């Protein structure tokens, strides 16, 4: 997903799609990291659609954000922000650096406009992540919102997962506009078990207590969101909604990737292990958003993510009940023009 300066993305995509998916990903990030905040950045920067909205006590310049997972180490916030996003979420970061799962671990399903990844929270650890986030200048100076996404190390036993999340929250809190707690990746063993009743209750109680301590220490209240999976039944969604409200969590991100393969059966790479993203997760994500919106208070913030590849898709997320919308796989298939298209669609919808 390399974005050539001011060239139509359709010209760059064949080159990038000729590369190994992870190699193309790293080429893009390396290029953005080198060129951001230099005169060259104006060559790919795009005017941000102005559509300010207040969510969770924050003012977002527009409703379209970048989902976590693309910039795991937070090193390209300014470069990515120049594409017109209202907010950027980076991570997932774990307390200690880890390599993630063995390669190959990222696959394109072109016919379905989808990806399968089993990256496994590959990242350089909390210390490097925070240092990178602190270097971001132009995006935040222009009013952009930065979310920091935290997870647990693969080597940490699931019964000690709370320890990792507390370390992550403590480390990122002073530098975050909001924090997302990721318990829904399918690529860290047993992680999704944290979405269950007792485990979720215990995790959120501990995180809320630590957040309150940090708010007192720093004299700033940083909203905390929970990121959940699309592979939940109605009873599980209702339980999560009730638990979020009970613990005073500020919002929910719906959803992560899916382990379902019904929509891609028979396609090349469809049998690969990992999380499926892109168009096949669109309806599953919307189903969760709709259920959450019905189960949560009317003002409770929902960030909708999953399968947004057009302005109409972004508008559908909003109609399902999302306050804000994130994209990731759509950016790979459609390029930066999707950011502008989605933001315009959401602004037009808000004015009706």
C-alpha atoms as a PDB file:
ATOM      1  CA  UNK A   1       0.000   0.000   0.000  1.00  0.00           C
ATOM      2  CA  UNK A   2       2.412   2.663  -1.242  1.00  0.00           C
ATOM      3  CA  UNK A   3       0.905   6.024  -2.068  1.00  0.00           C
ATOM      4  CA  UNK A   4       2.737   7.691  -4.947  1.00  0.00           C
ATOM      5  CA  UNK A   5       2.826  11.496  -4.717  1.00  0.00           C
ATOM      6  CA  UNK A   6      -0.272  12.926  -6.385  1.00  0.00           C
ATOM      7  CA  UNK A   7      -0.465  10.077  -8.875  1.00  0.00           C
ATOM      8  CA  UNK A   8      -3.792   8.291  -9.130  1.00  0.00           C
ATOM      9  CA  UNK A   9      -3.623   5.292  -6.837  1.00  0.00           C
ATOM     10  CA  UNK A  10      -4.689   3.087  -9.726  1.00  0.00           C
ATOM     11  CA  UNK A  11      -1.262   3.637 -11.305  1.00  0.00           C
ATOM     12  CA  UNK A  12       0.631   2.605  -8.190  1.00  0.00           C
ATOM     13  CA  UNK A  13      -1.558  -0.320  -7.177  1.00  0.00           C
ATOM     14  CA  UNK A  14      -0.419  -2.824  -9.853  1.00  0.00           C
ATOM     15  CA  UNK A  15       3.183  -2.355  -8.747  1.00  0.00           C
ATOM     16  CA  UNK A  16       2.316  -2.778  -5.095  1.00  0.00           C
ATOM     17  CA  UNK A  17       0.043  -5.754  -5.680  1.00  0.00           C
ATOM     18  CA  UNK A  18       2.938  -7.385  -7.551  1.00  0.00           C
ATOM     19  CA  UNK A  19       4.897  -7.402  -4.291  1.00  0.00           C
ATOM     20  CA  UNK A  20       4.460  -9.644  -1.300  1.00  0.00           C
ATOM     21  CA  UNK A  21       1.713  -7.981   0.803  1.00  0.00           C
ATOM     22  CA  UNK A  22       3.883  -7.434   3.851  1.00  0.00           C
ATOM     23  CA  UNK A  23       6.771  -6.132   1.726  1.00  0.00           C
ATOM     24  CA  UNK A  24       4.396  -3.613   0.104  1.00  0.00           C
ATOM     25  CA  UNK A  25       3.152  -2.614   3.552  1.00  0.00           C
ATOM     26  CA  UNK A  26       6.661  -2.003   4.869  1.00  0.00           C
ATOM     27  CA  UNK A  27       7.689  -0.113   1.716  1.00  0.00           C
ATOM     28  CA  UNK A  28       4.770   2.268   2.250  1.00  0.00           C
ATOM     29  CA  UNK A  29       5.504   2.882   5.914  1.00  0.00           C
ATOM     30  CA  UNK A  30       9.229   3.337   5.312  1.00  0.00           C
ATOM     31  CA  UNK A  31       8.487   5.904   2.605  1.00  0.00           C
ATOM     32  CA  UNK A  32       5.989   7.794   4.723  1.00  0.00           C
ATOM     33  CA  UNK A  33       8.325   7.794   7.733  1.00  0.00           C
ATOM     34  CA  UNK A  34      11.161   9.284   5.671  1.00  0.00           C
ATOM     35  CA  UNK A  35       9.079  11.925   3.900  1.00  0.00           C
ATOM     36  CA  UNK A  36       6.597  13.078   6.527  1.00  0.00           C
ATOM     37  CA  UNK A  37       7.145  16.628   7.769  1.00  0.00           C
ATOM     38  CA  UNK A  38       9.410  17.414   4.831  1.00  0.00           C
ATOM     39  CA  UNK A  39       8.484  19.577   1.816  1.00  0.00           C
ATOM     40  CA  UNK A  40       7.760  16.319  -0.037  1.00  0.00           C
ATOM     41  CA  UNK A  41       4.737  15.671   2.213  1.00  0.00           C
ATOM     42  CA  UNK A  42       2.724  18.299   0.356  1.00  0.00           C
ATOM     43  CA  UNK A  43       2.944  16.087  -2.733  1.00  0.00           C
ATOM     44  CA  UNK A  44       0.569  13.489  -1.274  1.00  0.00           C
ATOM     45  CA  UNK A  45      -1.268  15.553   1.322  1.00  0.00           C
ATOM     46  CA  UNK A  46      -4.968  16.119   0.736  1.00  0.00           C
ATOM     47  CA  UNK A  47      -7.326  18.710   2.142  1.00  0.00           C
ATOM     48  CA  UNK A  48      -9.167  17.381   5.145  1.00  0.00           C
ATOM     49  CA  UNK A  49     -12.941  17.468   4.920  1.00  0.00           C
ATOM     50  CA  UNK A  50     -14.169  19.765   7.686  1.00  0.00           C
ATOM     51  CA  UNK A  51     -16.959  18.098   9.648  1.00  0.00           C
ATOM     52  CA  UNK A  52     -16.180  18.650  13.339  1.00  0.00           C
ATOM     53  CA  UNK A  53     -17.992  16.420  15.771  1.00  0.00           C
ATOM     54  CA  UNK A  54     -17.750  15.951  19.538  1.00  0.00           C
ATOM     55  CA  UNK A  55     -17.401  12.326  20.656  1.00  0.00           C
ATOM     56  CA  UNK A  56     -16.309  11.118  24.112  1.00  0.00           C
ATOM     57  CA  UNK A  57     -15.399  14.690  25.044  1.00  0.00           C
ATOM     58  CA  UNK A  58     -13.043  15.073  22.067  1.00  0.00           C
ATOM     59  CA  UNK A  59     -13.537  17.236  18.994  1.00  0.00           C
ATOM     60  CA  UNK A  60     -12.799  15.225  15.858  1.00  0.00           C
ATOM     61  CA  UNK A  61     -12.130  17.306  12.698  1.00  0.00           C
ATOM     62  CA  UNK A  62     -14.156  14.776  10.732  1.00  0.00           C
ATOM     63  CA  UNK A  63     -15.662  11.340  11.292  1.00  0.00           C
ATOM     64  CA  UNK A  64     -13.139   9.225   9.328  1.00  0.00           C
ATOM     65  CA  UNK A  65     -10.180   7.595  11.028  1.00  0.00           C
ATOM     66  CA  UNK A  66      -7.445   5.099  10.292  1.00  0.00           C
ATOM     67  CA  UNK A  67      -7.916   1.801  12.124  1.00  0.00           C
ATOM     68  CA  UNK A  68      -5.190   0.342  14.293  1.00  0.00           C
ATOM     69  CA  UNK A  69      -2.931  -2.307  12.805  1.00  0.00           C
ATOM     70  CA  UNK A  70      -1.586  -0.423   9.833  1.00  0.00           C
ATOM     71  CA  UNK A  71       1.008   1.616  11.762  1.00  0.00           C
ATOM     72  CA  UNK A  72       1.758  -0.663  14.682  1.00  0.00           C
ATOM     73  CA  UNK A  73       4.741   1.335  15.933  1.00  0.00           C
ATOM     74  CA  UNK A  74       3.245   4.803  15.559  1.00  0.00           C
ATOM     75  CA  UNK A  75       5.971   6.066  13.276  1.00  0.00           C
ATOM     76  CA  UNK A  76       3.873   7.542  10.447  1.00  0.00           C
ATOM     77  CA  UNK A  77       1.175   9.555  12.215  1.00  0.00           C
ATOM     78  CA  UNK A  78       1.928  12.779  10.367  1.00  0.00           C
ATOM     79  CA  UNK A  79       2.351  11.108   6.975  1.00  0.00           C
ATOM     80  CA  UNK A  80      -0.875   9.151   7.267  1.00  0.00           C
ATOM     81  CA  UNK A  81      -2.699  12.111   8.756  1.00  0.00           C
ATOM     82  CA  UNK A  82      -1.866  14.184   5.679  1.00  0.00           C
ATOM     83  CA  UNK A  83      -4.276  11.980   3.702  1.00  0.00           C
ATOM     84  CA  UNK A  84      -7.221  13.787   5.274  1.00  0.00           C
ATOM     85  CA  UNK A  85      -8.080  11.638   8.287  1.00  0.00           C
ATOM     86  CA  UNK A  86      -9.830  13.237  11.230  1.00  0.00           C
ATOM     87  CA  UNK A  87      -8.185  10.758  13.566  1.00  0.00           C
ATOM     88  CA  UNK A  88      -5.422   8.146  13.478  1.00  0.00           C
ATOM     89  CA  UNK A  89      -5.273   5.060  15.697  1.00  0.00           C
ATOM     90  CA  UNK A  90      -1.869   3.394  15.979  1.00  0.00           C
ATOM     91  CA  UNK A  91      -0.750   0.097  17.528  1.00  0.00           C
ATOM     92  CA  UNK A  92      -1.490  -2.470  18.746  1.00  0.00           C
ATOM     93  CA  UNK A  93       1.484  -2.029  21.065  1.00  0.00           C
ATOM     94  CA  UNK A  94       2.483  -4.598  23.686  1.00  0.00           C
ATOM     95  CA  UNK A  95       4.610  -3.859  26.765  1.00  0.00           C
ATOM     96  CA  UNK A  96       7.613  -5.736  25.345  1.00  0.00           C
ATOM     97  CA  UNK A  97       8.775  -5.916  21.746  1.00  0.00           C
ATOM     98  CA  UNK A  98       7.812  -9.107  19.926  1.00  0.00           C
ATOM     99  CA  UNK A  99       8.296 -10.397  16.363  1.00  0.00           C
ATOM    100  CA  UNK A 100       4.771 -11.695  15.839  1.00  0.00           C
ATOM    101  CA  UNK A 101       3.946 -14.883  13.989  1.00  0.00           C
ATOM    102  CA  UNK A 102       6.150 -16.543  11.349  1.00  0.00           C
ATOM    103  CA  UNK A 103       5.988 -15.262   7.768  1.00  0.00           C
ATOM    104  CA  UNK A 104       4.129 -15.396   5.438  1.00  0.00           C
ATOM    105  CA  UNK A 105       1.364 -13.908   7.554  1.00  0.00           C
ATOM    106  CA  UNK A 106      -0.474 -11.424   5.322  1.00  0.00           C
ATOM    107  CA  UNK A 107      -2.520 -12.465   2.271  1.00  0.00           C
ATOM    108  CA  UNK A 108      -4.601 -10.636  -0.321  1.00  0.00           C
ATOM    109  CA  UNK A 109      -7.936 -12.024  -1.483  1.00  0.00           C
ATOM    110  CA  UNK A 110      -8.308  -9.680  -4.449  1.00  0.00           C
ATOM    111  CA  UNK A 111     -11.595 -11.067  -5.750  1.00  0.00           C
ATOM    112  CA  UNK A 112     -13.218 -10.312  -2.387  1.00  0.00           C
ATOM    113  CA  UNK A 113     -11.381  -7.020  -1.738  1.00  0.00           C
ATOM    114  CA  UNK A 114     -10.139  -8.575   1.463  1.00  0.00           C
ATOM    115  CA  UNK A 115      -7.063  -9.472   3.477  1.00  0.00           C
ATOM    116  CA  UNK A 116      -6.222 -12.263   5.864  1.00  0.00           C
ATOM    117  CA  UNK A 117      -3.574 -11.479   8.455  1.00  0.00           C
ATOM    118  CA  UNK A 118      -2.036 -13.421  11.280  1.00  0.00           C
ATOM    119  CA  UNK A 119       0.627 -10.851  12.121  1.00  0.00           C
ATOM    120  CA  UNK A 120       0.296 -11.437  15.853  1.00  0.00           C
ATOM    121  CA  UNK A 121       0.911  -7.966  17.330  1.00  0.00           C
ATOM    122  CA  UNK A 122       4.382  -7.645  15.822  1.00  0.00           C
ATOM    123  CA  UNK A 123       5.781  -4.406  17.264  1.00  0.00           C
ATOM    124  CA  UNK A 124       8.864  -2.779  18.787  1.00  0.00           C
ATOM    125  CA  UNK A 125       7.447  -2.442  22.276  1.00  0.00           C
ATOM    126  CA  UNK A 126       6.068   0.293  24.456  1.00  0.00           C
ATOM    127  CA  UNK A 127       9.202   2.412  24.837  1.00  0.00           C
ATOM    128  CA  UNK A 128       9.818   2.782  21.090  1.00  0.00           C
ATOM    129  CA  UNK A 129       6.106   3.278  20.434  1.00  0.00           C
ATOM    130  CA  UNK A 130       5.785   6.159  22.894  1.00  0.00           C
ATOM    131  CA  UNK A 131       8.923   7.810  21.534  1.00  0.00           C
ATOM    132  CA  UNK A 132       7.483   7.649  18.007  1.00  0.00           C
ATOM    133  CA  UNK A 133       4.127   9.063  19.083  1.00  0.00           C
ATOM    134  CA  UNK A 134       5.858  12.002  20.741  1.00  0.00           C
ATOM    135  CA  UNK A 135       7.526  12.878  17.429  1.00  0.00           C
ATOM    136  CA  UNK A 136       4.197  13.432  15.677  1.00  0.00           C
ATOM    137  CA  UNK A 137       3.782  17.173  15.085  1.00  0.00           C
ATOM    138  CA  UNK A 138       1.790  18.397  12.114  1.00  0.00           C
ATOM    139  CA  UNK A 139      -1.259  16.132  12.441  1.00  0.00           C
ATOM    140  CA  UNK A 140      -1.954  17.084  16.033  1.00  0.00           C
ATOM    141  CA  UNK A 141      -1.081  20.732  15.409  1.00  0.00           C
ATOM    142  CA  UNK A 142      -3.864  20.740  12.825  1.00  0.00           C
ATOM    143  CA  UNK A 143      -6.397  19.361  15.297  1.00  0.00           C
ATOM    144  CA  UNK A 144      -6.071  15.662  14.439  1.00  0.00           C
ATOM    145  CA  UNK A 145      -6.948  13.131  17.142  1.00  0.00           C
ATOM    146  CA  UNK A 146      -4.535  10.277  17.952  1.00  0.00           C
ATOM    147  CA  UNK A 147      -5.709   7.024  19.526  1.00  0.00           C
ATOM    148  CA  UNK A 148      -3.258   4.540  21.019  1.00  0.00           C
ATOM    149  CA  UNK A 149      -4.184   0.849  20.916  1.00  0.00           C
ATOM    150  CA  UNK A 150      -2.844  -1.531  23.572  1.00  0.00           C
ATOM    151  CA  UNK A 151      -2.633  -5.325  23.812  1.00  0.00           C
ATOM    152  CA  UNK A 152      -0.902  -8.149  25.618  1.00  0.00           C
ATOM    153  CA  UNK A 153       2.309  -9.978  24.763  1.00  0.00           C
ATOM    154  CA  UNK A 154       1.940 -13.445  23.292  1.00  0.00           C
ATOM    155  CA  UNK A 155       4.228 -14.876  25.975  1.00  0.00           C
ATOM    156  CA  UNK A 156       2.098 -13.506  28.810  1.00  0.00           C
ATOM    157  CA  UNK A 157      -0.261 -16.197  30.159  1.00  0.00           C
ATOM    158  CA  UNK A 158      -3.901 -15.272  29.674  1.00  0.00           C
ATOM    159  CA  UNK A 159      -4.442 -15.332  33.443  1.00  0.00           C
ATOM    160  CA  UNK A 160      -1.853 -12.500  33.681  1.00  0.00           C
ATOM    161  CA  UNK A 161      -3.222 -10.489  30.766  1.00  0.00           C
ATOM    162  CA  UNK A 162      -4.473  -7.722  33.045  1.00  0.00           C
ATOM    163  CA  UNK A 163      -0.877  -6.970  34.018  1.00  0.00           C
ATOM    164  CA  UNK A 164       0.063  -6.259  30.398  1.00  0.00           C
ATOM    165  CA  UNK A 165      -2.951  -4.049  29.809  1.00  0.00           C
ATOM    166  CA  UNK A 166      -2.202  -2.038  32.948  1.00  0.00           C
ATOM    167  CA  UNK A 167       1.394  -1.562  31.800  1.00  0.00           C
ATOM    168  CA  UNK A 168       0.167  -0.509  28.380  1.00  0.00           C
ATOM    169  CA  UNK A 169      -2.403   1.942  29.733  1.00  0.00           C
ATOM    170  CA  UNK A 170       0.094   3.492  32.125  1.00  0.00           C
ATOM    171  CA  UNK A 171       2.707   3.857  29.380  1.00  0.00           C
ATOM    172  CA  UNK A 172       0.519   5.430  26.700  1.00  0.00           C
ATOM    173  CA  UNK A 173      -1.847   7.499  28.839  1.00  0.00           C
ATOM    174  CA  UNK A 174       0.142  10.769  28.903  1.00  0.00           C
ATOM    175  CA  UNK A 175       0.471  10.776  25.097  1.00  0.00           C
ATOM    176  CA  UNK A 176      -2.978   9.590  23.979  1.00  0.00           C
ATOM    177  CA  UNK A 177      -6.077  11.509  22.984  1.00  0.00           C
ATOM    178  CA  UNK A 178      -7.906   8.232  23.576  1.00  0.00           C
ATOM    179  CA  UNK A 179      -6.818   4.659  24.380  1.00  0.00           C
ATOM    180  CA  UNK A 180      -8.249   1.508  22.788  1.00  0.00           C
ATOM    181  CA  UNK A 181      -8.037  -1.808  24.628  1.00  0.00           C
ATOM    182  CA  UNK A 182      -7.725  -4.581  22.055  1.00  0.00           C
ATOM    183  CA  UNK A 183      -9.080  -7.911  23.297  1.00  0.00           C
ATOM    184  CA  UNK A 184     -10.390  -9.092  19.939  1.00  0.00           C
ATOM    185  CA  UNK A 185      -7.475 -10.027  17.696  1.00  0.00           C
ATOM    186  CA  UNK A 186      -7.734 -13.681  16.635  1.00  0.00           C
ATOM    187  CA  UNK A 187      -3.949 -13.899  16.263  1.00  0.00           C
ATOM    188  CA  UNK A 188      -2.894 -13.980  19.925  1.00  0.00           C
ATOM    189  CA  UNK A 189      -3.760 -17.262  21.589  1.00  0.00           C
ATOM    190  CA  UNK A 190      -6.798 -17.100  23.919  1.00  0.00           C
ATOM    191  CA  UNK A 191      -7.041 -13.296  23.639  1.00  0.00           C
ATOM    192  CA  UNK A 192     -10.721 -13.339  22.683  1.00  0.00           C
ATOM    193  CA  UNK A 193     -11.471 -15.237  25.895  1.00  0.00           C
ATOM    194  CA  UNK A 194     -11.148 -11.832  27.577  1.00  0.00           C
ATOM    195  CA  UNK A 195     -14.504 -10.906  25.994  1.00  0.00           C
ATOM    196  CA  UNK A 196     -16.259 -13.426  28.246  1.00  0.00           C
ATOM    197  CA  UNK A 197     -18.254 -12.424  31.312  1.00  0.00           C
ATOM    198  CA  UNK A 198     -15.938 -12.748  34.319  1.00  0.00           C
ATOM    199  CA  UNK A 199     -12.705 -12.060  32.417  1.00  0.00           C
ATOM    200  CA  UNK A 200     -14.072  -8.867  30.879  1.00  0.00           C
ATOM    201  CA  UNK A 201     -15.506  -7.692  34.187  1.00  0.00           C
ATOM    202  CA  UNK A 202     -12.170  -8.170  35.917  1.00  0.00           C
ATOM    203  CA  UNK A 203     -10.166  -6.521  33.123  1.00  0.00           C
ATOM    204  CA  UNK A 204     -12.362  -3.451  32.836  1.00  0.00           C
ATOM    205  CA  UNK A 205     -12.548  -2.977  36.605  1.00  0.00           C
ATOM    206  CA  UNK A 206      -8.752  -2.964  36.815  1.00  0.00           C
ATOM    207  CA  UNK A 207      -8.352  -0.652  33.827  1.00  0.00           C
ATOM    208  CA  UNK A 208     -10.975   1.795  35.082  1.00  0.00           C
ATOM    209  CA  UNK A 209      -9.252   1.971  38.488  1.00  0.00           C
ATOM    210  CA  UNK A 210      -5.868   2.593  36.885  1.00  0.00           C
ATOM    211  CA  UNK A 211      -7.358   5.162  34.504  1.00  0.00           C
ATOM    212  CA  UNK A 212      -8.807   7.059  37.455  1.00  0.00           C
ATOM    213  CA  UNK A 213      -5.396   7.066  39.156  1.00  0.00           C
ATOM    214  CA  UNK A 214      -3.717   8.333  35.988  1.00  0.00           C
ATOM    215  CA  UNK A 215      -6.340  11.033  35.534  1.00  0.00           C
ATOM    216  CA  UNK A 216      -5.615  12.314  39.043  1.00  0.00           C
ATOM    217  CA  UNK A 217      -1.856  12.218  38.438  1.00  0.00           C
ATOM    218  CA  UNK A 218      -1.927  13.961  35.073  1.00  0.00           C
ATOM    219  CA  UNK A 219      -4.979  16.178  35.584  1.00  0.00           C
ATOM    220  CA  UNK A 220      -6.419  15.009  32.256  1.00  0.00           C
ATOM    221  CA  UNK A 221      -9.202  12.542  31.499  1.00  0.00           C
ATOM    222  CA  UNK A 222      -8.303  10.316  28.529  1.00  0.00           C
ATOM    223  CA  UNK A 223     -11.264   8.369  27.064  1.00  0.00           C
ATOM    224  CA  UNK A 224     -10.910   4.601  26.982  1.00  0.00           C
ATOM    225  CA  UNK A 225     -12.498   2.412  24.286  1.00  0.00           C
ATOM    226  CA  UNK A 226     -12.823  -1.379  23.989  1.00  0.00           C
ATOM    227  CA  UNK A 227     -12.302  -3.107  20.620  1.00  0.00           C
ATOM    228  CA  UNK A 228     -14.449  -6.198  20.096  1.00  0.00           C
ATOM    229  CA  UNK A 229     -14.823  -8.982  17.537  1.00  0.00           C
ATOM    230  CA  UNK A 230     -17.524  -9.432  14.875  1.00  0.00           C
ATOM    231  CA  UNK A 231     -17.888 -13.115  15.787  1.00  0.00           C
ATOM    232  CA  UNK A 232     -20.200 -12.553  18.765  1.00  0.00           C
ATOM    233  CA  UNK A 233     -23.792 -13.630  19.214  1.00  0.00           C
ATOM    234  CA  UNK A 234     -26.515 -11.276  20.444  1.00  0.00           C
ATOM    235  CA  UNK A 235     -26.268 -12.410  24.061  1.00  0.00           C
ATOM    236  CA  UNK A 236     -22.507 -11.791  24.075  1.00  0.00           C
ATOM    237  CA  UNK A 237     -22.946  -8.342  22.554  1.00  0.00           C
ATOM    238  CA  UNK A 238     -25.584  -7.431  25.128  1.00  0.00           C
ATOM    239  CA  UNK A 239     -23.336  -8.651  27.934  1.00  0.00           C
ATOM    240  CA  UNK A 240     -20.410  -6.581  26.668  1.00  0.00           C
ATOM    241  CA  UNK A 241     -22.623  -3.511  26.327  1.00  0.00           C
ATOM    242  CA  UNK A 242     -23.824  -3.832  29.911  1.00  0.00           C
ATOM    243  CA  UNK A 243     -20.275  -4.355  31.175  1.00  0.00           C
ATOM    244  CA  UNK A 244     -19.007  -1.271  29.328  1.00  0.00           C
ATOM    245  CA  UNK A 245     -21.666   0.894  30.925  1.00  0.00           C
ATOM    246  CA  UNK A 246     -21.200  -0.604  34.391  1.00  0.00           C
ATOM    247  CA  UNK A 247     -17.485   0.179  34.404  1.00  0.00           C
ATOM    248  CA  UNK A 248     -17.772   3.631  32.892  1.00  0.00           C
ATOM    249  CA  UNK A 249     -15.826   2.820  29.723  1.00  0.00           C
ATOM    250  CA  UNK A 250     -16.099   5.692  27.261  1.00  0.00           C
ATOM    251  CA  UNK A 251     -16.751   3.901  23.979  1.00  0.00           C
ATOM    252  CA  UNK A 252     -16.482   0.775  21.846  1.00  0.00           C
ATOM    253  CA  UNK A 253     -14.743  -0.028  18.552  1.00  0.00           C
ATOM    254  CA  UNK A 254     -16.760  -2.488  16.454  1.00  0.00           C
ATOM    255  CA  UNK A 255     -15.218  -4.508  15.013  1.00  0.00           C
ATOM    256  CA  UNK A 256     -11.937  -6.328  14.572  1.00  0.00           C
ATOM    257  CA  UNK A 257     -11.331  -8.987  11.900  1.00  0.00           C
ATOM    258  CA  UNK A 258     -13.414 -12.153  11.584  1.00  0.00           C
ATOM    259  CA  UNK A 259     -12.474 -15.816  11.744  1.00  0.00           C
ATOM    260  CA  UNK A 260     -15.488 -16.708   9.566  1.00  0.00           C
ATOM    261  CA  UNK A 261     -14.768 -17.775   5.977  1.00  0.00           C
ATOM    262  CA  UNK A 262     -18.259 -18.222   4.505  1.00  0.00           C
ATOM    263  CA  UNK A 263     -17.927 -15.220   2.201  1.00  0.00           C
ATOM    264  CA  UNK A 264     -14.577 -16.288   0.722  1.00  0.00           C
ATOM    265  CA  UNK A 265     -14.855 -20.067   0.470  1.00  0.00           C
ATOM    266  CA  UNK A 266     -12.968 -21.377  -2.536  1.00  0.00           C
ATOM    267  CA  UNK A 267     -10.875 -18.261  -3.120  1.00  0.00           C
ATOM    268  CA  UNK A 268      -7.063 -18.428  -3.098  1.00  0.00           C
ATOM    269  CA  UNK A 269      -5.716 -18.076   0.461  1.00  0.00           C
ATOM    270  CA  UNK A 270      -9.200 -18.403   1.982  1.00  0.00           C
ATOM    271  CA  UNK A 271      -8.057 -21.322   4.133  1.00  0.00           C
ATOM    272  CA  UNK A 272      -5.180 -19.390   5.683  1.00  0.00           C
ATOM    273  CA  UNK A 273      -5.390 -18.949   9.445  1.00  0.00           C
ATOM    274  CA  UNK A 274      -5.883 -15.433  10.760  1.00  0.00           C
ATOM    275  CA  UNK A 275      -8.345 -12.581  10.742  1.00  0.00           C
ATOM    276  CA  UNK A 276     -10.300 -11.721   7.599  1.00  0.00           C
ATOM    277  CA  UNK A 277     -10.843  -8.021   6.871  1.00  0.00           C
ATOM    278  CA  UNK A 278     -12.281  -5.959   4.036  1.00  0.00           C
ATOM    279  CA  UNK A 279     -15.583  -6.311   2.234  1.00  0.00           C
ATOM    280  CA  UNK A 280     -16.503  -9.783   3.656  1.00  0.00           C
ATOM    281  CA  UNK A 281     -16.639  -8.395   7.215  1.00  0.00           C
ATOM    282  CA  UNK A 282     -18.855  -5.415   6.319  1.00  0.00           C
ATOM    283  CA  UNK A 283     -22.231  -6.930   7.210  1.00  0.00           C
ATOM    284  CA  UNK A 284     -20.930  -8.781  10.266  1.00  0.00           C
ATOM    285  CA  UNK A 285     -19.529  -5.532  11.622  1.00  0.00           C
ATOM    286  CA  UNK A 286     -22.768  -3.674  10.919  1.00  0.00           C
ATOM    287  CA  UNK A 287     -24.750  -6.388  12.698  1.00  0.00           C
ATOM    288  CA  UNK A 288     -22.658  -5.859  15.845  1.00  0.00           C
ATOM    289  CA  UNK A 289     -22.945  -2.065  15.574  1.00  0.00           C
ATOM    290  CA  UNK A 290     -26.730  -2.234  15.270  1.00  0.00           C
ATOM    291  CA  UNK A 291     -27.009  -4.527  18.280  1.00  0.00           C
ATOM    292  CA  UNK A 292     -24.694  -2.329  20.333  1.00  0.00           C
ATOM    293  CA  UNK A 293     -26.636   0.789  19.434  1.00  0.00           C
ATOM    294  CA  UNK A 294     -29.815  -0.818  20.668  1.00  0.00           C
ATOM    295  CA  UNK A 295     -28.197  -2.101  23.870  1.00  0.00           C
ATOM    296  CA  UNK A 296     -26.237   1.037  24.822  1.00  0.00           C
ATOM    297  CA  UNK A 297     -27.384   4.495  25.910  1.00  0.00           C
ATOM    298  CA  UNK A 298     -28.117   6.748  22.936  1.00  0.00           C
ATOM    299  CA  UNK A 299     -25.076   8.934  23.554  1.00  0.00           C
ATOM    300  CA  UNK A 300     -22.597   6.075  24.053  1.00  0.00           C
ATOM    301  CA  UNK A 301     -19.807   6.414  21.408  1.00  0.00           C
ATOM    302  CA  UNK A 302     -19.344   3.677  18.809  1.00  0.00           C
ATOM    303  CA  UNK A 303     -16.506   3.616  16.280  1.00  0.00           C
ATOM    304  CA  UNK A 304     -17.543   1.478  13.307  1.00  0.00           C
ATOM    305  CA  UNK A 305     -14.891  -0.390  11.360  1.00  0.00           C
ATOM    306  CA  UNK A 306     -14.968  -3.281   8.926  1.00  0.00           C
ATOM    307  CA  UNK A 307     -15.331  -3.418   5.162  1.00  0.00           C
ATOM    308  CA  UNK A 308     -15.561   0.295   4.335  1.00  0.00           C
ATOM    309  CA  UNK A 309     -14.561   0.606   0.666  1.00  0.00           C
ATOM    310  CA  UNK A 310     -16.743   3.534  -0.418  1.00  0.00           C
ATOM    311  CA  UNK A 311     -18.548   6.588   0.846  1.00  0.00           C
ATOM    312  CA  UNK A 312     -21.766   4.594   0.802  1.00  0.00           C
ATOM    313  CA  UNK A 313     -20.165   1.974   3.052  1.00  0.00           C
ATOM    314  CA  UNK A 314     -19.136   4.676   5.526  1.00  0.00           C
ATOM    315  CA  UNK A 315     -22.668   6.080   5.493  1.00  0.00           C
ATOM    316  CA  UNK A 316     -24.053   2.590   6.162  1.00  0.00           C
ATOM    317  CA  UNK A 317     -21.873   2.316   9.257  1.00  0.00           C
ATOM    318  CA  UNK A 318     -23.313   5.613  10.468  1.00  0.00           C
ATOM    319  CA  UNK A 319     -26.857   4.444   9.737  1.00  0.00           C
ATOM    320  CA  UNK A 320     -26.177   1.259  11.705  1.00  0.00           C
ATOM    321  CA  UNK A 321     -25.328   3.406  14.722  1.00  0.00           C
ATOM    322  CA  UNK A 322     -21.647   4.347  14.541  1.00  0.00           C
ATOM    323  CA  UNK A 323     -20.593   7.872  15.522  1.00  0.00           C
ATOM    324  CA  UNK A 324     -17.201   7.598  13.824  1.00  0.00           C
ATOM    325  CA  UNK A 325     -15.853   5.299  11.098  1.00  0.00           C
ATOM    326  CA  UNK A 326     -12.417   3.759  10.576  1.00  0.00           C
ATOM    327  CA  UNK A 327     -10.817   2.264   7.472  1.00  0.00           C
ATOM    328  CA  UNK A 328      -7.796   0.038   6.855  1.00  0.00           C
ATOM    329  CA  UNK A 329      -8.227  -2.627   4.180  1.00  0.00           C
ATOM    330  CA  UNK A 330     -10.228  -0.178   2.062  1.00  0.00           C
ATOM    331  CA  UNK A 331      -7.190   2.102   1.991  1.00  0.00           C
ATOM    332  CA  UNK A 332      -5.148  -0.709   0.468  1.00  0.00           C
ATOM    333  CA  UNK A 333      -7.684  -1.459  -2.248  1.00  0.00           C
ATOM    334  CA  UNK A 334      -8.942   2.068  -2.976  1.00  0.00           C
ATOM    335  CA  UNK A 335      -6.121   4.397  -1.939  1.00  0.00           C
ATOM    336  CA  UNK A 336      -6.206   7.752  -0.115  1.00  0.00           C
ATOM    337  CA  UNK A 337      -9.115   9.117  -2.179  1.00  0.00           C
ATOM    338  CA  UNK A 338     -11.327   6.853  -0.054  1.00  0.00           C
ATOM    339  CA  UNK A 339     -10.664   9.048   3.002  1.00  0.00           C
ATOM    340  CA  UNK A 340     -12.076  12.136   1.271  1.00  0.00           C
ATOM    341  CA  UNK A 341     -14.996  10.201  -0.230  1.00  0.00           C
ATOM    342  CA  UNK A 342     -15.998   8.676   3.089  1.00  0.00           C
ATOM    343  CA  UNK A 343     -15.676  11.946   4.990  1.00  0.00           C
ATOM    344  CA  UNK A 344     -17.820  13.765   2.435  1.00  0.00           C
ATOM    345  CA  UNK A 345     -20.491  11.061   2.578  1.00  0.00           C
ATOM    346  CA  UNK A 346     -20.624  11.252   6.351  1.00  0.00           C
ATOM    347  CA  UNK A 347     -20.806  15.048   6.329  1.00  0.00           C
ATOM    348  CA  UNK A 348     -23.629  14.994   3.826  1.00  0.00           C
ATOM    349  CA  UNK A 349     -25.478  12.418   5.896  1.00  0.00           C
ATOM    350  CA  UNK A 350     -25.087  14.488   9.049  1.00  0.00           C
ATOM    351  CA  UNK A 351     -26.607  17.541   7.329  1.00  0.00           C
ATOM    352  CA  UNK A 352     -29.765  15.753   6.193  1.00  0.00           C
END
